[in-house]
PDB file of all heavy atoms in Angstrom:
ATOM      1  N   LEU A   1      26.383 -34.510   0.346  1.00  0.00           N
ATOM      2  CA  LEU A   1      25.368 -35.153   1.211  1.00  0.00           C
ATOM      3  C   LEU A   1      25.932 -35.507   2.576  1.00  0.00           C
ATOM      4  O   LEU A   1      25.286 -35.251   3.592  1.00  0.00           O
ATOM      5  CB  LEU A   1      24.853 -36.417   0.482  1.00  0.00           C
ATOM      6  CG  LEU A   1      23.594 -37.079   1.050  1.00  0.00           C
ATOM      7  CD1 LEU A   1      22.430 -36.113   1.048  1.00  0.00           C
ATOM      8  CD2 LEU A   1      23.251 -38.323   0.248  1.00  0.00           C
ATOM      9  N   ILE A   2      27.140 -36.035   2.622  1.00  0.00           N
ATOM     10  CA  ILE A   2      27.762 -36.365   3.887  1.00  0.00           C
ATOM     11  C   ILE A   2      28.004 -35.152   4.711  1.00  0.00           C
ATOM     12  O   ILE A   2      27.730 -35.116   5.926  1.00  0.00           O
ATOM     13  CB  ILE A   2      29.096 -37.153   3.640  1.00  0.00           C
ATOM     14  CG1 ILE A   2      28.772 -38.565   3.142  1.00  0.00           C
ATOM     15  CG2 ILE A   2      29.926 -37.225   4.923  1.00  0.00           C
ATOM     16  CD1 ILE A   2      30.001 -39.351   2.680  1.00  0.00           C
ATOM     17  N   SER A   3      28.498 -34.083   4.104  1.00  0.00           N
ATOM     18  CA  SER A   3      28.783 -32.825   4.830  1.00  0.00           C
ATOM     19  C   SER A   3      27.500 -32.280   5.467  1.00  0.00           C
ATOM     20  O   SER A   3      27.529 -31.753   6.600  1.00  0.00           O
ATOM     21  CB  SER A   3      29.349 -31.766   3.887  1.00  0.00           C
ATOM     22  OG  SER A   3      30.594 -32.218   3.362  1.00  0.00           O
ATOM     23  N   LYS A   4      26.390 -32.388   4.719  1.00  0.00           N
ATOM     24  CA  LYS A   4      25.120 -31.863   5.231  1.00  0.00           C
ATOM     25  C   LYS A   4      24.602 -32.666   6.427  1.00  0.00           C
ATOM     26  O   LYS A   4      23.950 -32.135   7.287  1.00  0.00           O
ATOM     27  CB  LYS A   4      24.079 -31.877   4.091  1.00  0.00           C
ATOM     28  CG  LYS A   4      22.795 -31.087   4.424  1.00  0.00           C
ATOM     29  CD  LYS A   4      21.688 -32.042   4.824  1.00  0.00           C
ATOM     30  CE  LYS A   4      20.392 -31.292   5.071  1.00  0.00           C
ATOM     31  NZ  LYS A   4      19.306 -32.156   5.626  1.00  0.00           N
ATOM     32  N   CYS A   5      24.918 -33.968   6.431  1.00  0.00           N
ATOM     33  CA  CYS A   5      24.317 -34.861   7.438  1.00  0.00           C
ATOM     34  C   CYS A   5      25.323 -35.281   8.543  1.00  0.00           C
ATOM     35  O   CYS A   5      25.048 -36.227   9.291  1.00  0.00           O
ATOM     36  CB  CYS A   5      23.749 -36.084   6.778  1.00  0.00           C
ATOM     37  SG  CYS A   5      22.424 -35.689   5.586  1.00  0.00           S
ATOM     38  N   LEU A   6      26.439 -34.582   8.668  1.00  0.00           N
ATOM     39  CA  LEU A   6      27.412 -34.965   9.695  1.00  0.00           C
ATOM     40  C   LEU A   6      26.861 -34.784  11.101  1.00  0.00           C
ATOM     41  O   LEU A   6      27.266 -35.539  11.991  1.00  0.00           O
ATOM     42  CB  LEU A   6      28.670 -34.094   9.533  1.00  0.00           C
ATOM     43  CG  LEU A   6      29.694 -34.544   8.464  1.00  0.00           C
ATOM     44  CD1 LEU A   6      30.793 -33.519   8.307  1.00  0.00           C
ATOM     45  CD2 LEU A   6      30.288 -35.893   8.835  1.00  0.00           C
ATOM     46  N   ILE A   7      25.980 -33.856  11.302  1.00  0.00           N
ATOM     47  CA  ILE A   7      25.430 -33.603  12.638  1.00  0.00           C
ATOM     48  C   ILE A   7      24.295 -34.564  12.960  1.00  0.00           C
ATOM     49  O   ILE A   7      24.239 -35.208  14.008  1.00  0.00           O
ATOM     50  CB  ILE A   7      24.951 -32.131  12.780  1.00  0.00           C
ATOM     51  CG1 ILE A   7      26.141 -31.186  12.651  1.00  0.00           C
ATOM     52  CG2 ILE A   7      24.249 -31.939  14.114  1.00  0.00           C
ATOM     53  CD1 ILE A   7      25.820 -29.731  12.695  1.00  0.00           C
ATOM     54  N   THR A   8      23.362 -34.740  11.990  1.00  0.00           N
ATOM     55  CA  THR A   8      22.208 -35.612  12.240  1.00  0.00           C
ATOM     56  C   THR A   8      22.583 -37.073  12.199  1.00  0.00           C
ATOM     57  O   THR A   8      21.901 -37.952  12.785  1.00  0.00           O
ATOM     58  CB  THR A   8      21.097 -35.365  11.200  1.00  0.00           C
ATOM     59  OG1 THR A   8      21.649 -35.661   9.896  1.00  0.00           O
ATOM     60  CG2 THR A   8      20.642 -33.922  11.226  1.00  0.00           C
ATOM     61  N   LYS A   9      23.684 -37.397  11.516  1.00  0.00           N
ATOM     62  CA  LYS A   9      24.182 -38.776  11.414  1.00  0.00           C
ATOM     63  C   LYS A   9      23.199 -39.718  10.738  1.00  0.00           C
ATOM     64  O   LYS A   9      23.262 -40.961  10.918  1.00  0.00           O
ATOM     65  CB  LYS A   9      24.527 -39.353  12.805  1.00  0.00           C
ATOM     66  CG  LYS A   9      25.690 -38.675  13.499  1.00  0.00           C
ATOM     67  CD  LYS A   9      26.999 -38.896  12.700  1.00  0.00           C
ATOM     68  CE  LYS A   9      28.188 -38.252  13.410  1.00  0.00           C
ATOM     69  NZ  LYS A   9      29.439 -38.438  12.623  1.00  0.00           N
ATOM     70  N   SER A  10      22.302 -39.183   9.909  1.00  0.00           N
ATOM     71  CA  SER A  10      21.378 -40.003   9.177  1.00  0.00           C
ATOM     72  C   SER A  10      20.965 -39.318   7.864  1.00  0.00           C
ATOM     73  O   SER A  10      20.935 -38.069   7.798  1.00  0.00           O
ATOM     74  CB  SER A  10      20.130 -40.340   9.988  1.00  0.00           C
ATOM     75  OG  SER A  10      19.374 -39.169  10.241  1.00  0.00           O
ATOM     76  N   ILE A  11      20.712 -40.119   6.836  1.00  0.00           N
ATOM     77  CA  ILE A  11      20.331 -39.598   5.523  1.00  0.00           C
ATOM     78  C   ILE A  11      18.998 -40.237   5.140  1.00  0.00           C
ATOM     79  O   ILE A  11      18.871 -41.469   5.105  1.00  0.00           O
ATOM     80  CB  ILE A  11      21.396 -39.913   4.461  1.00  0.00           C
ATOM     81  CG1 ILE A  11      22.742 -39.309   4.823  1.00  0.00           C
ATOM     82  CG2 ILE A  11      20.932 -39.422   3.090  1.00  0.00           C
ATOM     83  CD1 ILE A  11      23.883 -39.761   3.950  1.00  0.00           C
ATOM     84  N   ASP A  12      18.007 -39.400   4.796  1.00  0.00           N
ATOM     85  CA  ASP A  12      16.760 -39.932   4.266  1.00  0.00           C
ATOM     86  C   ASP A  12      16.471 -39.285   2.918  1.00  0.00           C
ATOM     87  O   ASP A  12      17.243 -38.468   2.411  1.00  0.00           O
ATOM     88  CB  ASP A  12      15.609 -39.727   5.277  1.00  0.00           C
ATOM     89  CG  ASP A  12      15.366 -38.270   5.616  1.00  0.00           C
ATOM     90  OD1 ASP A  12      15.731 -37.394   4.809  1.00  0.00           O
ATOM     91  OD2 ASP A  12      14.793 -38.015   6.684  1.00  0.00           O
ATOM     92  N   VAL A  13      15.300 -39.613   2.342  1.00  0.00           N
ATOM     93  CA  VAL A  13      14.963 -39.147   1.017  1.00  0.00           C
ATOM     94  C   VAL A  13      14.873 -37.613   0.965  1.00  0.00           C
ATOM     95  O   VAL A  13      15.288 -37.015  -0.042  1.00  0.00           O
ATOM     96  CB  VAL A  13      13.610 -39.734   0.539  1.00  0.00           C
ATOM     97  CG1 VAL A  13      13.220 -39.191  -0.794  1.00  0.00           C
ATOM     98  CG2 VAL A  13      13.755 -41.275   0.423  1.00  0.00           C
ATOM     99  N   VAL A  14      14.406 -37.009   2.039  1.00  0.00           N
ATOM    100  CA  VAL A  14      14.298 -35.525   2.081  1.00  0.00           C
ATOM    101  C   VAL A  14      15.689 -34.904   1.915  1.00  0.00           C
ATOM    102  O   VAL A  14      15.857 -33.911   1.199  1.00  0.00           O
ATOM    103  CB  VAL A  14      13.636 -35.094   3.417  1.00  0.00           C
ATOM    104  CG1 VAL A  14      13.671 -33.549   3.516  1.00  0.00           C
ATOM    105  CG2 VAL A  14      12.213 -35.598   3.503  1.00  0.00           C
ATOM    106  N   ASP A  15      16.678 -35.482   2.591  1.00  0.00           N
ATOM    107  CA  ASP A  15      18.052 -34.957   2.488  1.00  0.00           C
ATOM    108  C   ASP A  15      18.550 -35.060   1.030  1.00  0.00           C
ATOM    109  O   ASP A  15      19.177 -34.149   0.503  1.00  0.00           O
ATOM    110  CB  ASP A  15      18.996 -35.731   3.399  1.00  0.00           C
ATOM    111  CG  ASP A  15      18.628 -35.570   4.856  1.00  0.00           C
ATOM    112  OD1 ASP A  15      18.385 -34.427   5.298  1.00  0.00           O
ATOM    113  OD2 ASP A  15      18.562 -36.602   5.562  1.00  0.00           O
ATOM    114  N   VAL A  16      18.308 -36.202   0.441  1.00  0.00           N
ATOM    115  CA  VAL A  16      18.715 -36.421  -0.971  1.00  0.00           C
ATOM    116  C   VAL A  16      18.094 -35.412  -1.899  1.00  0.00           C
ATOM    117  O   VAL A  16      18.727 -34.786  -2.738  1.00  0.00           O
ATOM    118  CB  VAL A  16      18.430 -37.859  -1.409  1.00  0.00           C
ATOM    119  CG1 VAL A  16      18.707 -38.048  -2.903  1.00  0.00           C
ATOM    120  CG2 VAL A  16      19.239 -38.874  -0.599  1.00  0.00           C
ATOM    121  N   ASP A  17      16.757 -35.237  -1.756  1.00  0.00           N
ATOM    122  CA  ASP A  17      16.036 -34.272  -2.582  1.00  0.00           C
ATOM    123  C   ASP A  17      16.524 -32.861  -2.396  1.00  0.00           C
ATOM    124  O   ASP A  17      16.601 -32.051  -3.352  1.00  0.00           O
ATOM    125  CB  ASP A  17      14.506 -34.330  -2.284  1.00  0.00           C
ATOM    126  CG  ASP A  17      13.882 -35.622  -2.790  1.00  0.00           C
ATOM    127  OD1 ASP A  17      14.494 -36.274  -3.649  1.00  0.00           O
ATOM    128  OD2 ASP A  17      12.787 -35.967  -2.330  1.00  0.00           O
ATOM    129  N   GLU A  18      16.952 -32.526  -1.180  1.00  0.00           N
ATOM    130  CA  GLU A  18      17.348 -31.167  -0.873  1.00  0.00           C
ATOM    131  C   GLU A  18      18.780 -30.848  -1.362  1.00  0.00           C
ATOM    132  O   GLU A  18      19.095 -29.779  -1.811  1.00  0.00           O
ATOM    133  CB  GLU A  18      17.280 -30.957   0.639  1.00  0.00           C
ATOM    134  CG  GLU A  18      17.679 -29.551   1.101  1.00  0.00           C
ATOM    135  CD  GLU A  18      17.663 -29.428   2.596  1.00  0.00           C
ATOM    136  OE1 GLU A  18      16.958 -30.215   3.282  1.00  0.00           O
ATOM    137  OE2 GLU A  18      18.357 -28.536   3.130  1.00  0.00           O
ATOM    138  N   ILE A  19      19.677 -31.874  -1.294  1.00  0.00           N
ATOM    139  CA  ILE A  19      21.092 -31.654  -1.507  1.00  0.00           C
ATOM    140  C   ILE A  19      21.567 -32.052  -2.907  1.00  0.00           C
ATOM    141  O   ILE A  19      22.322 -31.334  -3.544  1.00  0.00           O
ATOM    142  CB  ILE A  19      21.950 -32.372  -0.448  1.00  0.00           C
ATOM    143  CG1 ILE A  19      21.609 -31.839   0.959  1.00  0.00           C
ATOM    144  CG2 ILE A  19      23.410 -32.241  -0.764  1.00  0.00           C
ATOM    145  CD1 ILE A  19      21.921 -30.379   1.148  1.00  0.00           C
ATOM    146  N   VAL A  20      21.116 -33.197  -3.384  1.00  0.00           N
ATOM    147  CA  VAL A  20      21.690 -33.814  -4.581  1.00  0.00           C
ATOM    148  C   VAL A  20      21.135 -33.141  -5.852  1.00  0.00           C
ATOM    149  O   VAL A  20      19.913 -33.038  -6.015  1.00  0.00           O
ATOM    150  CB  VAL A  20      21.445 -35.336  -4.609  1.00  0.00           C
ATOM    151  CG1 VAL A  20      22.061 -35.936  -5.883  1.00  0.00           C
ATOM    152  CG2 VAL A  20      22.101 -35.956  -3.358  1.00  0.00           C
ATOM    153  N   THR A  21      22.022 -32.761  -6.742  1.00  0.00           N
ATOM    154  CA  THR A  21      21.637 -32.118  -7.998  1.00  0.00           C
ATOM    155  C   THR A  21      21.168 -33.188  -8.991  1.00  0.00           C
ATOM    156  O   THR A  21      21.876 -34.130  -9.266  1.00  0.00           O
ATOM    157  CB  THR A  21      22.813 -31.362  -8.604  1.00  0.00           C
ATOM    158  OG1 THR A  21      23.305 -30.429  -7.624  1.00  0.00           O
ATOM    159  CG2 THR A  21      22.416 -30.623  -9.867  1.00  0.00           C
ATOM    160  N   THR A  22      19.970 -33.005  -9.512  1.00  0.00           N
ATOM    161  CA  THR A  22      19.477 -33.922 -10.549  1.00  0.00           C
ATOM    162  C   THR A  22      20.223 -33.661 -11.832  1.00  0.00           C
ATOM    163  O   THR A  22      20.326 -32.520 -12.307  1.00  0.00           O
ATOM    164  CB  THR A  22      17.971 -33.703 -10.765  1.00  0.00           C
ATOM    165  OG1 THR A  22      17.278 -33.955  -9.568  1.00  0.00           O
ATOM    166  CG2 THR A  22      17.451 -34.669 -11.846  1.00  0.00           C
ATOM    167  N   GLN A  23      20.808 -34.701 -12.410  1.00  0.00           N
ATOM    168  CA  GLN A  23      21.584 -34.560 -13.633  1.00  0.00           C
ATOM    169  C   GLN A  23      20.704 -34.338 -14.855  1.00  0.00           C
ATOM    170  O   GLN A  23      19.551 -34.773 -14.889  1.00  0.00           O
ATOM    171  CB  GLN A  23      22.465 -35.793 -13.837  1.00  0.00           C
ATOM    172  CG  GLN A  23      23.437 -36.041 -12.660  1.00  0.00           C
ATOM    173  CD  GLN A  23      24.319 -34.853 -12.355  1.00  0.00           C
ATOM    174  OE1 GLN A  23      24.974 -34.306 -13.259  1.00  0.00           O
ATOM    175  NE2 GLN A  23      24.309 -34.396 -11.115  1.00  0.00           N
ATOM    176  N   THR A  24      21.311 -33.689 -15.869  1.00  0.00           N
ATOM    177  CA  THR A  24      20.566 -33.395 -17.103  1.00  0.00           C
ATOM    178  C   THR A  24      19.975 -34.645 -17.717  1.00  0.00           C
ATOM    179  O   THR A  24      18.851 -34.665 -18.203  1.00  0.00           O
ATOM    180  CB  THR A  24      21.507 -32.731 -18.127  1.00  0.00           C
ATOM    181  OG1 THR A  24      22.017 -31.499 -17.578  1.00  0.00           O
ATOM    182  CG2 THR A  24      20.790 -32.413 -19.423  1.00  0.00           C
ATOM    183  N   GLU A  25      20.735 -35.769 -17.644  1.00  0.00           N
ATOM    184  CA  GLU A  25      20.246 -37.027 -18.221  1.00  0.00           C
ATOM    185  C   GLU A  25      18.963 -37.460 -17.579  1.00  0.00           C
ATOM    186  O   GLU A  25      18.101 -38.069 -18.241  1.00  0.00           O
ATOM    187  CB  GLU A  25      21.315 -38.109 -18.046  1.00  0.00           C
ATOM    188  CG  GLU A  25      22.518 -37.996 -18.985  1.00  0.00           C
ATOM    189  CD  GLU A  25      23.540 -36.965 -18.475  1.00  0.00           C
ATOM    190  OE1 GLU A  25      23.265 -36.333 -17.443  1.00  0.00           O
ATOM    191  OE2 GLU A  25      24.587 -36.792 -19.146  1.00  0.00           O
ATOM    192  N   ASN A  26      18.769 -37.170 -16.288  1.00  0.00           N
ATOM    193  CA  ASN A  26      17.516 -37.532 -15.604  1.00  0.00           C
ATOM    194  C   ASN A  26      16.386 -36.667 -16.120  1.00  0.00           C
ATOM    195  O   ASN A  26      15.249 -37.207 -16.245  1.00  0.00           O
ATOM    196  CB  ASN A  26      17.666 -37.360 -14.102  1.00  0.00           C
ATOM    197  CG  ASN A  26      18.459 -38.501 -13.462  1.00  0.00           C
ATOM    198  OD1 ASN A  26      18.693 -39.492 -14.102  1.00  0.00           O
ATOM    199  ND2 ASN A  26      18.853 -38.284 -12.218  1.00  0.00           N
ATOM    200  N   HIS A  27      16.618 -35.407 -16.408  1.00  0.00           N
ATOM    201  CA  HIS A  27      15.596 -34.567 -17.025  1.00  0.00           C
ATOM    202  C   HIS A  27      15.177 -35.118 -18.384  1.00  0.00           C
ATOM    203  O   HIS A  27      14.003 -35.163 -18.712  1.00  0.00           O
ATOM    204  CB  HIS A  27      16.097 -33.136 -17.170  1.00  0.00           C
ATOM    205  CG  HIS A  27      16.018 -32.305 -15.949  1.00  0.00           C
ATOM    206  ND1 HIS A  27      14.839 -31.787 -15.468  1.00  0.00           N
ATOM    207  CD2 HIS A  27      16.950 -31.917 -15.071  1.00  0.00           C
ATOM    208  CE1 HIS A  27      15.088 -31.096 -14.382  1.00  0.00           C
ATOM    209  NE2 HIS A  27      16.372 -31.163 -14.091  1.00  0.00           N
ATOM    210  N   ILE A  28      16.156 -35.554 -19.143  1.00  0.00           N
ATOM    211  CA  ILE A  28      15.923 -36.158 -20.481  1.00  0.00           C
ATOM    212  C   ILE A  28      15.034 -37.392 -20.327  1.00  0.00           C
ATOM    213  O   ILE A  28      14.061 -37.579 -21.060  1.00  0.00           O
ATOM    214  CB  ILE A  28      17.230 -36.479 -21.191  1.00  0.00           C
ATOM    215  CG1 ILE A  28      18.102 -35.241 -21.405  1.00  0.00           C
ATOM    216  CG2 ILE A  28      16.940 -37.187 -22.536  1.00  0.00           C
ATOM    217  CD1 ILE A  28      17.499 -34.172 -22.284  1.00  0.00           C
ATOM    218  N   PHE A  29      15.388 -38.246 -19.355  1.00  0.00           N
ATOM    219  CA  PHE A  29      14.596 -39.430 -19.135  1.00  0.00           C
ATOM    220  C   PHE A  29      13.147 -39.085 -18.780  1.00  0.00           C
ATOM    221  O   PHE A  29      12.214 -39.700 -19.278  1.00  0.00           O
ATOM    222  CB  PHE A  29      15.213 -40.316 -18.011  1.00  0.00           C
ATOM    223  CG  PHE A  29      14.415 -41.526 -17.674  1.00  0.00           C
ATOM    224  CD1 PHE A  29      14.664 -42.683 -18.378  1.00  0.00           C
ATOM    225  CD2 PHE A  29      13.458 -41.509 -16.682  1.00  0.00           C
ATOM    226  CE1 PHE A  29      13.919 -43.830 -18.117  1.00  0.00           C
ATOM    227  CE2 PHE A  29      12.742 -42.658 -16.378  1.00  0.00           C
ATOM    228  CZ  PHE A  29      12.985 -43.828 -17.110  1.00  0.00           C
ATOM    229  N   GLU A  30      12.984 -38.102 -17.898  1.00  0.00           N
ATOM    230  CA  GLU A  30      11.631 -37.708 -17.515  1.00  0.00           C
ATOM    231  C   GLU A  30      10.853 -37.148 -18.694  1.00  0.00           C
ATOM    232  O   GLU A  30       9.624 -37.341 -18.825  1.00  0.00           O
ATOM    233  CB  GLU A  30      11.700 -36.630 -16.396  1.00  0.00           C
ATOM    234  CG  GLU A  30      12.156 -37.209 -15.049  1.00  0.00           C
ATOM    235  CD  GLU A  30      12.304 -36.128 -13.994  1.00  0.00           C
ATOM    236  OE1 GLU A  30      11.686 -35.039 -14.166  1.00  0.00           O
ATOM    237  OE2 GLU A  30      12.993 -36.345 -13.007  1.00  0.00           O
ATOM    238  N   MET A  31      11.549 -36.448 -19.600  1.00  0.00           N
ATOM    239  CA  MET A  31      10.890 -35.905 -20.773  1.00  0.00           C
ATOM    240  C   MET A  31      10.333 -37.046 -21.656  1.00  0.00           C
ATOM    241  O   MET A  31       9.201 -37.031 -22.083  1.00  0.00           O
ATOM    242  CB  MET A  31      11.878 -35.054 -21.611  1.00  0.00           C
ATOM    243  CG  MET A  31      12.178 -33.709 -20.999  1.00  0.00           C
ATOM    244  SD  MET A  31      13.661 -32.927 -21.749  1.00  0.00           S
ATOM    245  CE  MET A  31      13.185 -32.869 -23.433  1.00  0.00           C
ATOM    246  N   ILE A  32      11.166 -38.055 -21.881  1.00  0.00           N
ATOM    247  CA  ILE A  32      10.793 -39.149 -22.720  1.00  0.00           C
ATOM    248  C   ILE A  32       9.728 -40.010 -22.024  1.00  0.00           C
ATOM    249  O   ILE A  32       8.820 -40.545 -22.643  1.00  0.00           O
ATOM    250  CB  ILE A  32      12.008 -39.971 -23.128  1.00  0.00           C
ATOM    251  CG1 ILE A  32      12.892 -39.128 -24.044  1.00  0.00           C
ATOM    252  CG2 ILE A  32      11.592 -41.281 -23.835  1.00  0.00           C
ATOM    253  CD1 ILE A  32      14.205 -39.738 -24.447  1.00  0.00           C
ATOM    254  N   ASP A  33       9.826 -40.128 -20.713  1.00  0.00           N
ATOM    255  CA  ASP A  33       8.837 -40.819 -19.925  1.00  0.00           C
ATOM    256  C   ASP A  33       7.476 -40.117 -20.085  1.00  0.00           C
ATOM    257  O   ASP A  33       6.426 -40.782 -20.215  1.00  0.00           O
ATOM    258  CB  ASP A  33       9.230 -40.867 -18.436  1.00  0.00           C
ATOM    259  CG  ASP A  33       8.325 -41.782 -17.626  1.00  0.00           C
ATOM    260  OD1 ASP A  33       7.850 -42.802 -18.162  1.00  0.00           O
ATOM    261  OD2 ASP A  33       8.134 -41.463 -16.445  1.00  0.00           O
ATOM    262  N   ALA A  34       7.504 -38.777 -20.090  1.00  0.00           N
ATOM    263  CA  ALA A  34       6.279 -38.017 -20.288  1.00  0.00           C
ATOM    264  C   ALA A  34       5.689 -38.222 -21.665  1.00  0.00           C
ATOM    265  O   ALA A  34       4.468 -38.379 -21.827  1.00  0.00           O
ATOM    266  CB  ALA A  34       6.533 -36.521 -20.081  1.00  0.00           C
ATOM    267  N   LEU A  35       6.558 -38.276 -22.692  1.00  0.00           N
ATOM    268  CA  LEU A  35       6.104 -38.575 -24.063  1.00  0.00           C
ATOM    269  C   LEU A  35       5.451 -39.960 -24.129  1.00  0.00           C
ATOM    270  O   LEU A  35       4.411 -40.149 -24.793  1.00  0.00           O
ATOM    271  CB  LEU A  35       7.282 -38.476 -25.044  1.00  0.00           C
ATOM    272  CG  LEU A  35       7.812 -37.090 -25.356  1.00  0.00           C
ATOM    273  CD1 LEU A  35       9.039 -37.213 -26.241  1.00  0.00           C
ATOM    274  CD2 LEU A  35       6.747 -36.246 -26.051  1.00  0.00           C
TER     275      LEU A  35
END
């Protein structure tokens, strides 16, 4: 995330969504949340 934002010098939600990998555990949580 830092490497991606070194030029813009700012991080927002769009950057997080674009760069950060959602972990398997989060998919599991979303599955159970859907249930």
